[in-house]
Amino acid sequence: MADPRCPICERPTDPAFRPFCSRGCKDRDLLQWLGEGYRLPGRPTPPGMNPGLDSAEEGD
């Protein structure tokens, strides 16, 4: 079986940061999630179902 590789940079993983190779790659992955770089498909929410979000969009 091949050595596991970091999903960000393809270097060998480090057990301390698994499945990543370093803290930097681990942080880059977290920033992708927080910045909505990774999105999961889903159905649109009907208007009125998210009152806080719906009102924020109207102010833009």
C-alpha atoms as a PDB file:
ATOM      1  CA  MET A   1       0.000   0.000   0.000  1.00  0.00           C
ATOM      2  CA  ALA A   2       1.306   3.463  -0.884  1.00  0.00           C
ATOM      3  CA  ASP A   3       2.199   6.013   1.775  1.00  0.00           C
ATOM      4  CA  PRO A   4      -0.673   8.419   2.477  1.00  0.00           C
ATOM      5  CA  ARG A   5      -0.280  11.820   0.822  1.00  0.00           C
ATOM      6  CA  CYS A   6      -1.412  15.282   1.873  1.00  0.00           C
ATOM      7  CA  PRO A   7      -4.609  16.248  -0.016  1.00  0.00           C
ATOM      8  CA  ILE A   8      -3.344  19.846  -0.364  1.00  0.00           C
ATOM      9  CA  CYS A   9       0.268  19.476  -1.595  1.00  0.00           C
ATOM     10  CA  GLU A  10       0.758  15.703  -2.136  1.00  0.00           C
ATOM     11  CA  ARG A  11       3.730  15.431   0.267  1.00  0.00           C
ATOM     12  CA  PRO A  12       3.815  12.473   2.699  1.00  0.00           C
ATOM     13  CA  THR A  13       1.547  12.980   5.703  1.00  0.00           C
ATOM     14  CA  ASP A  14       2.789  13.708   9.206  1.00  0.00           C
ATOM     15  CA  PRO A  15       1.007  11.766  11.978  1.00  0.00           C
ATOM     16  CA  ALA A  16       0.750  14.955  14.059  1.00  0.00           C
ATOM     17  CA  PHE A  17      -1.272  16.710  11.302  1.00  0.00           C
ATOM     18  CA  ARG A  18      -2.950  13.762   9.644  1.00  0.00           C
ATOM     19  CA  PRO A  19      -4.273  13.667   6.933  1.00  0.00           C
ATOM     20  CA  PHE A  20      -2.070  16.676   6.124  1.00  0.00           C
ATOM     21  CA  CYS A  21       1.712  17.029   5.997  1.00  0.00           C
ATOM     22  CA  SER A  22       2.022  20.174   8.118  1.00  0.00           C
ATOM     23  CA  ARG A  23       0.193  22.787  10.129  1.00  0.00           C
ATOM     24  CA  GLY A  24       0.286  25.076   7.082  1.00  0.00           C
ATOM     25  CA  CYS A  25      -1.661  22.641   4.893  1.00  0.00           C
ATOM     26  CA  LYS A  26      -4.071  21.920   7.742  1.00  0.00           C
ATOM     27  CA  ASP A  27      -4.716  25.668   8.154  1.00  0.00           C
ATOM     28  CA  ARG A  28      -5.111  26.165   4.381  1.00  0.00           C
ATOM     29  CA  ASP A  29      -7.805  23.476   4.366  1.00  0.00           C
ATOM     30  CA  LEU A  30      -9.618  25.119   7.298  1.00  0.00           C
ATOM     31  CA  LEU A  31      -9.516  28.502   5.541  1.00  0.00           C
ATOM     32  CA  GLN A  32     -11.067  26.923   2.451  1.00  0.00           C
ATOM     33  CA  TRP A  33     -14.008  25.728   4.579  1.00  0.00           C
ATOM     34  CA  LEU A  34     -14.381  29.020   6.446  1.00  0.00           C
ATOM     35  CA  GLY A  35     -14.153  31.080   3.257  1.00  0.00           C
ATOM     36  CA  GLU A  36     -16.733  28.878   1.506  1.00  0.00           C
ATOM     37  CA  GLY A  37     -14.101  27.574  -0.913  1.00  0.00           C
ATOM     38  CA  TYR A  38     -15.609  24.140  -0.401  1.00  0.00           C
ATOM     39  CA  ARG A  39     -19.342  23.993  -0.927  1.00  0.00           C
ATOM     40  CA  LEU A  40     -21.700  21.097  -0.581  1.00  0.00           C
ATOM     41  CA  PRO A  41     -24.611  20.975  -3.001  1.00  0.00           C
ATOM     42  CA  GLY A  42     -28.079  21.400  -1.591  1.00  0.00           C
ATOM     43  CA  ARG A  43     -31.509  22.709  -2.353  1.00  0.00           C
ATOM     44  CA  PRO A  44     -32.065  26.471  -2.164  1.00  0.00           C
ATOM     45  CA  THR A  45     -33.842  27.664   0.965  1.00  0.00           C
ATOM     46  CA  PRO A  46     -37.245  29.239   0.276  1.00  0.00           C
ATOM     47  CA  PRO A  47     -37.529  32.974   1.123  1.00  0.00           C
ATOM     48  CA  GLY A  48     -38.515  33.536   4.749  1.00  0.00           C
ATOM     49  CA  MET A  49     -36.928  30.327   6.060  1.00  0.00           C
ATOM     50  CA  ASN A  50     -33.768  32.156   7.246  1.00  0.00           C
ATOM     51  CA  PRO A  51     -34.989  35.486   8.616  1.00  0.00           C
ATOM     52  CA  GLY A  52     -31.523  36.700   9.643  1.00  0.00           C
ATOM     53  CA  LEU A  53     -29.977  35.844   6.299  1.00  0.00           C
ATOM     54  CA  ASP A  54     -32.908  37.097   4.200  1.00  0.00           C
ATOM     55  CA  SER A  55     -32.833  40.542   5.841  1.00  0.00           C
ATOM     56  CA  ALA A  56     -29.029  40.780   5.448  1.00  0.00           C
ATOM     57  CA  GLU A  57     -29.314  40.143   1.708  1.00  0.00           C
ATOM     58  CA  GLU A  58     -31.948  42.884   1.303  1.00  0.00           C
ATOM     59  CA  GLY A  59     -29.564  45.455   2.822  1.00  0.00           C
ATOM     60  CA  ASP A  60     -26.877  44.804   0.175  1.00  0.00           C
END
